[in-house]
Amino acid sequence: MKFDPLGNTSGASLGTAIAQPSRPNAIRLETVCKSFGVDAAAVRALAGIDLEVRDGEFLAILGPSGCGKSTLLQIMAGLMPADGGRVLFGGLPVTGPPQGMVYLFQQYAKSLLPWRDVAANVALAFEGRARRTRRELRARAADYLAMVGLAGFEKHFPWQLSGGMQQRVAIARALAAEPKVLLLDEPFSAVDALTRVELQALVLQLRQAHGLTVVLVTHDVDEAVFLADRIAILSRRPTVVEDLIETGIDQPRDSIATREQPRFLSLRHSLMERLLHREPAQ
């Protein structure tokens, strides 16, 4: 299995079984453990994570800084091996980046190639899949850019775009890989507050339009409550899943009205109180 540094993990490993599982987009983590370092210097990051991501749901993973949220997501994506336990995707063991799963990195600007224009960056997701002319590739890339509100920017270069627009390019390229599962590692942390709200609404629209299963790692309580169907609360290190909460907020969600609902405010309050009033790590 080759790991694509651009964030597309949609390749099939040589050892992948050919099967059609009944729940193709479900992910299951069974007693997943991970440590860093050796002997006395070893740090136990994940202490037996048990978690299921339901087929078609939006799951947010929330927890204190340094608890291993991104590590957990990378193990889920097959980008990092676990020390113990296993990850299943559609009932099959994940031993490398599986077909149909795309990981969107936090540092989106570094994943875009500055010498390629926007359309060429998006076209990376499907270059080599089938013989197409350059014009056909760019036309298809333009379709995905239109999905994320960037029609007309095909010939711009990443450095000519704002941070929010660059993240839209990264999202367009992720969609161009035709994923079934989208893994998001704090994808909006580097943009301003208004752009973040716009991108959150965009992700919800795309998830609905494409029937995606989405897993989001975030440190932002408001973001988790607004986007997710369920929220997994992680403990401090050594990390376990402390709780799983159904948000209970109806779809579709509105960037303003949803945040004013009593259920949103109540859940936000309880989660903030819970995270802020933890005992300090030992």
Protein backbone atom coordinates (compact mmCIF):
# COMPACT_ATOMS: atom_id res chain seq x y z
CA MET A 1 0.00 0.00 0.00
CA LYS A 2 1.30 3.39 -0.96
CA PHE A 3 0.52 6.32 1.28
CA ASP A 4 -0.38 9.45 -0.68
CA PRO A 5 0.96 12.54 1.15
CA LEU A 6 -1.86 14.56 -0.37
CA GLY A 7 -4.34 12.87 1.91
CA ASN A 8 -5.98 10.44 -0.52
CA THR A 9 -5.90 7.02 1.09
CA SER A 10 -7.97 5.31 -1.56
CA GLY A 11 -5.77 2.45 -2.73
CA ALA A 12 -6.29 -1.26 -2.22
CA SER A 13 -3.50 -3.23 -0.57
CA LEU A 14 -2.34 -6.48 -2.17
CA GLY A 15 -3.60 -8.46 0.77
CA THR A 16 -7.09 -6.94 0.87
CA ALA A 17 -9.81 -9.54 0.63
CA ILE A 18 -12.36 -9.15 -2.13
CA ALA A 19 -15.66 -9.03 -0.29
CA GLN A 20 -18.87 -7.07 -0.16
CA PRO A 21 -19.64 -6.45 3.53
CA SER A 22 -23.20 -5.71 4.51
CA ARG A 23 -22.15 -2.44 6.19
CA PRO A 24 -19.50 -1.10 3.83
CA ASN A 25 -18.94 2.26 5.54
CA ALA A 26 -18.96 1.15 9.19
CA ILE A 27 -15.74 1.34 11.19
CA ARG A 28 -15.06 -0.62 14.35
CA LEU A 29 -12.16 -0.15 16.76
CA GLU A 30 -11.53 -3.02 19.17
CA THR A 31 -9.22 -2.43 22.15
CA VAL A 32 -6.90 -0.18 20.13
CA CYS A 33 -3.73 0.71 22.05
CA LYS A 34 -0.81 2.97 21.18
CA SER A 35 2.35 4.05 22.99
CA PHE A 36 5.23 6.28 21.96
CA GLY A 37 8.82 5.86 23.12
CA VAL A 38 10.45 2.88 24.81
CA ASP A 39 11.11 1.62 28.32
CA ALA A 40 10.95 4.33 31.00
CA ALA A 41 10.42 7.05 28.40
CA ALA A 42 7.35 5.37 26.91
CA VAL A 43 4.12 7.37 26.92
CA ARG A 44 0.91 5.39 26.78
CA ALA A 45 -1.36 7.42 24.48
CA LEU A 46 -4.32 5.11 23.83
CA ALA A 47 -5.27 2.60 26.49
CA GLY A 48 -7.76 0.32 24.74
CA ILE A 49 -10.17 2.27 22.52
CA ASP A 50 -13.47 0.55 21.75
CA LEU A 51 -15.61 2.51 19.30
CA GLU A 52 -17.95 1.93 16.39
CA VAL A 53 -18.62 4.48 13.66
CA ARG A 54 -22.02 3.72 12.21
CA ASP A 55 -22.55 3.49 8.48
CA GLY A 56 -23.62 6.93 7.24
CA GLU A 57 -23.26 8.84 10.50
CA PHE A 58 -21.31 11.98 11.40
CA LEU A 59 -19.20 11.22 14.47
CA ALA A 60 -17.17 13.90 16.26
CA ILE A 61 -14.26 12.96 18.52
CA LEU A 62 -13.78 15.47 21.31
CA GLY A 63 -11.26 15.53 24.15
CA PRO A 64 -8.58 17.52 25.93
CA SER A 65 -5.47 18.71 24.12
CA GLY A 66 -2.83 16.00 23.83
CA CYS A 67 -5.16 13.09 24.52
CA GLY A 68 -4.42 11.40 21.17
CA LYS A 69 -7.37 12.43 18.99
CA SER A 70 -5.29 12.78 15.82
CA THR A 71 -3.36 9.60 16.62
CA LEU A 72 -6.64 7.73 16.90
CA LEU A 73 -7.84 9.10 13.55
CA GLN A 74 -4.59 8.14 11.81
CA ILE A 75 -4.85 4.59 13.17
CA MET A 76 -8.46 4.48 11.96
CA ALA A 77 -7.26 5.54 8.49
CA GLY A 78 -4.52 2.90 8.36
CA LEU A 79 -1.81 5.59 8.30
CA MET A 80 -0.32 4.53 11.64
CA PRO A 81 -0.18 1.02 13.14
CA ALA A 82 -1.71 0.31 16.52
CA ASP A 83 0.33 -1.50 19.16
CA GLY A 84 -2.61 -3.67 20.07
CA GLY A 85 -6.22 -4.28 19.12
CA ARG A 86 -7.57 -3.89 15.62
CA VAL A 87 -9.57 -1.67 13.28
CA LEU A 88 -12.25 -3.06 10.98
CA PHE A 89 -13.71 -1.24 7.97
CA GLY A 90 -16.76 -2.89 6.50
CA GLY A 91 -15.89 -5.99 8.51
CA LEU A 92 -12.38 -6.28 7.06
CA PRO A 93 -9.15 -5.61 9.03
CA VAL A 94 -7.44 -2.30 8.27
CA THR A 95 -3.74 -2.98 7.67
CA GLY A 96 -3.11 0.07 5.48
CA PRO A 97 -5.15 2.89 3.92
CA PRO A 98 -8.32 1.17 2.71
CA GLN A 99 -10.22 1.75 -0.50
CA GLY A 100 -12.98 4.32 -0.08
CA MET A 101 -11.53 6.23 2.87
CA VAL A 102 -9.99 9.71 2.54
CA TYR A 103 -8.11 11.59 5.26
CA LEU A 104 -8.21 15.39 5.17
CA PHE A 105 -5.20 16.82 6.98
CA GLN A 106 -5.24 19.77 9.34
CA GLN A 107 -2.45 21.59 7.46
CA TYR A 108 -4.33 21.78 4.19
CA ALA A 109 -2.01 24.43 2.66
CA LYS A 110 0.95 22.04 2.84
CA SER A 111 -1.00 19.34 1.00
CA LEU A 112 -1.61 21.57 -2.04
CA LEU A 113 1.14 21.66 -4.66
CA PRO A 114 2.08 25.33 -5.15
CA TRP A 115 3.35 24.81 -8.73
CA ARG A 116 0.00 23.38 -9.85
CA ASP A 117 -3.07 25.53 -10.33
CA VAL A 118 -6.29 24.74 -8.46
CA ALA A 119 -7.79 22.49 -11.15
CA ALA A 120 -4.56 20.51 -11.48
CA ASN A 121 -4.43 20.02 -7.70
CA VAL A 122 -7.95 18.59 -7.69
CA ALA A 123 -7.19 16.43 -10.75
CA LEU A 124 -4.50 14.62 -8.72
CA ALA A 125 -7.29 12.62 -7.11
CA PHE A 126 -8.23 10.83 -10.33
CA GLU A 127 -5.14 11.07 -12.53
CA GLY A 128 -4.06 7.62 -13.62
CA ARG A 129 -7.39 5.92 -12.93
CA ALA A 130 -8.34 5.94 -16.61
CA ARG A 131 -6.93 7.38 -19.81
CA ARG A 132 -8.24 10.94 -20.15
CA THR A 133 -7.05 13.99 -21.99
CA ARG A 134 -5.81 17.01 -20.06
CA ARG A 135 -8.97 18.86 -21.06
CA GLU A 136 -11.17 16.06 -19.70
CA LEU A 137 -9.25 16.03 -16.41
CA ARG A 138 -9.61 19.76 -15.96
CA ALA A 139 -13.31 19.68 -16.84
CA ARG A 140 -13.93 17.03 -14.22
CA ALA A 141 -11.88 18.97 -11.66
CA ALA A 142 -13.95 22.05 -12.45
CA ASP A 143 -17.11 20.12 -11.53
CA TYR A 144 -15.75 19.35 -8.05
CA LEU A 145 -14.55 22.93 -7.58
CA ALA A 146 -18.07 24.11 -8.41
CA MET A 147 -19.40 21.83 -5.65
CA VAL A 148 -17.35 23.73 -3.07
CA GLY A 149 -18.14 27.20 -4.43
CA LEU A 150 -14.92 27.78 -6.39
CA ALA A 151 -16.21 27.92 -9.95
CA GLY A 152 -14.05 30.34 -11.90
CA PHE A 153 -10.93 29.78 -9.80
CA GLU A 154 -9.61 26.80 -11.76
CA LYS A 155 -6.53 28.64 -13.08
CA HIS A 156 -5.58 30.26 -9.79
CA PHE A 157 -2.64 28.91 -7.79
CA PRO A 158 -2.99 27.98 -4.10
CA TRP A 159 -0.87 30.93 -2.97
CA GLN A 160 -3.33 33.27 -4.68
CA LEU A 161 -6.22 32.06 -2.51
CA SER A 162 -7.28 32.77 1.06
CA GLY A 163 -6.94 30.09 3.71
CA GLY A 164 -10.62 29.24 3.52
CA MET A 165 -10.47 28.93 -0.26
CA GLN A 166 -7.43 26.67 -0.01
CA GLN A 167 -9.35 24.42 2.36
CA ARG A 168 -12.20 24.30 -0.15
CA VAL A 169 -9.70 23.10 -2.76
CA ALA A 170 -8.55 20.36 -0.37
CA ILE A 171 -12.19 19.34 0.22
CA ALA A 172 -12.84 19.30 -3.55
CA ARG A 173 -9.85 17.01 -4.07
CA ALA A 174 -11.06 14.73 -1.27
CA LEU A 175 -14.48 14.49 -2.96
CA ALA A 176 -12.81 13.82 -6.32
CA ALA A 177 -11.37 10.63 -4.82
CA GLU A 178 -15.02 9.47 -4.49
CA PRO A 179 -14.76 8.39 -0.85
CA LYS A 180 -17.34 6.57 1.20
CA VAL A 181 -15.73 7.74 4.44
CA LEU A 182 -14.23 11.17 5.09
CA LEU A 183 -11.85 11.56 8.04
CA LEU A 184 -11.35 15.19 9.12
CA ASP A 185 -8.47 16.15 11.42
CA GLU A 186 -9.36 19.60 12.83
CA PRO A 187 -9.84 20.86 9.25
CA PHE A 188 -11.05 24.36 10.14
CA SER A 189 -8.71 25.28 12.98
CA ALA A 190 -6.52 27.58 10.86
CA VAL A 191 -9.26 29.76 9.36
CA ASP A 192 -11.15 32.74 10.77
CA ALA A 193 -14.43 32.33 12.64
CA LEU A 194 -16.75 33.33 9.78
CA THR A 195 -14.95 31.12 7.26
CA ARG A 196 -15.14 28.25 9.74
CA VAL A 197 -18.94 28.58 9.95
CA GLU A 198 -19.18 28.62 6.15
CA LEU A 199 -16.99 25.53 5.79
CA GLN A 200 -18.97 23.67 8.45
CA ALA A 201 -22.18 24.30 6.53
CA LEU A 202 -20.46 23.18 3.32
CA VAL A 203 -19.34 19.89 4.85
CA LEU A 204 -22.90 19.17 6.04
CA GLN A 205 -24.25 19.86 2.55
CA LEU A 206 -21.65 17.64 0.89
CA ARG A 207 -22.18 14.86 3.40
CA GLN A 208 -25.91 14.87 2.64
CA ALA A 209 -25.40 15.08 -1.13
CA HIS A 210 -22.84 12.25 -1.29
CA GLY A 211 -24.10 10.00 1.52
CA LEU A 212 -20.77 10.10 3.34
CA THR A 213 -19.77 8.60 6.65
CA VAL A 214 -17.77 11.35 8.40
CA VAL A 215 -15.45 11.26 11.41
CA LEU A 216 -14.27 14.62 12.73
CA VAL A 217 -11.52 15.23 15.27
CA THR A 218 -11.95 18.63 16.90
CA HIS A 219 -11.16 20.57 20.07
CA ASP A 220 -14.11 22.91 19.41
CA VAL A 221 -17.23 22.01 21.40
CA ASP A 222 -19.53 24.24 19.31
CA GLU A 223 -18.27 22.60 16.13
CA ALA A 224 -18.81 19.09 17.47
CA VAL A 225 -22.37 19.83 18.60
CA PHE A 226 -23.31 21.61 15.37
CA LEU A 227 -21.97 18.97 12.99
CA ALA A 228 -22.27 15.59 14.65
CA ASP A 229 -24.95 12.97 15.11
CA ARG A 230 -22.88 11.53 17.97
CA ILE A 231 -19.92 12.78 19.98
CA ALA A 232 -17.25 10.48 21.41
CA ILE A 233 -15.69 11.99 24.54
CA LEU A 234 -12.08 10.95 25.15
CA SER A 235 -10.41 10.97 28.55
CA ARG A 236 -6.97 12.30 29.37
CA ARG A 237 -3.99 10.03 28.75
CA PRO A 238 -3.90 7.09 28.86
CA THR A 239 -6.95 7.64 26.70
CA VAL A 240 -10.18 5.67 26.58
CA VAL A 241 -13.64 6.52 25.27
CA GLU A 242 -15.26 8.08 28.30
CA ASP A 243 -18.72 8.58 26.84
CA LEU A 244 -20.78 8.52 23.63
CA ILE A 245 -23.47 11.17 23.32
CA GLU A 246 -26.30 11.41 20.79
CA THR A 247 -26.68 15.08 19.93
CA GLY A 248 -30.38 14.73 19.16
CA ILE A 249 -30.40 17.81 16.91
CA ASP A 250 -32.63 17.62 13.86
CA GLN A 251 -31.41 17.89 10.27
CA PRO A 252 -31.03 20.05 8.29
CA ARG A 253 -28.99 22.36 10.49
CA ASP A 254 -28.78 26.09 10.09
CA SER A 255 -25.61 28.00 10.95
CA ILE A 256 -27.55 30.53 13.05
CA ALA A 257 -30.88 28.99 14.08
CA THR A 258 -29.45 25.62 15.14
CA ARG A 259 -27.00 27.32 17.50
CA GLU A 260 -29.93 29.07 19.22
CA GLN A 261 -31.90 25.89 19.90
CA PRO A 262 -32.30 24.90 23.57
CA ARG A 263 -30.88 21.43 22.87
CA PHE A 264 -27.75 22.91 21.26
CA LEU A 265 -27.19 25.34 24.12
CA SER A 266 -27.80 22.71 26.79
CA LEU A 267 -25.45 20.18 25.21
CA ARG A 268 -22.78 22.82 24.61
CA HIS A 269 -23.00 23.92 28.25
CA SER A 270 -22.73 20.41 29.67
CA LEU A 271 -19.79 19.50 27.42
CA MET A 272 -17.91 22.71 28.19
CA GLU A 273 -18.43 22.19 31.90
CA ARG A 274 -17.30 18.61 31.66
CA LEU A 275 -14.13 19.40 29.70
CA LEU A 276 -13.14 22.50 31.69
CA HIS A 277 -13.63 20.96 35.13
CA ARG A 278 -11.56 17.82 34.64
CA GLU A 279 -8.90 16.90 37.13
CA PRO A 280 -5.43 17.79 35.78
CA ALA A 281 -3.39 15.00 34.20
CA GLN A 282 -0.89 13.30 36.49
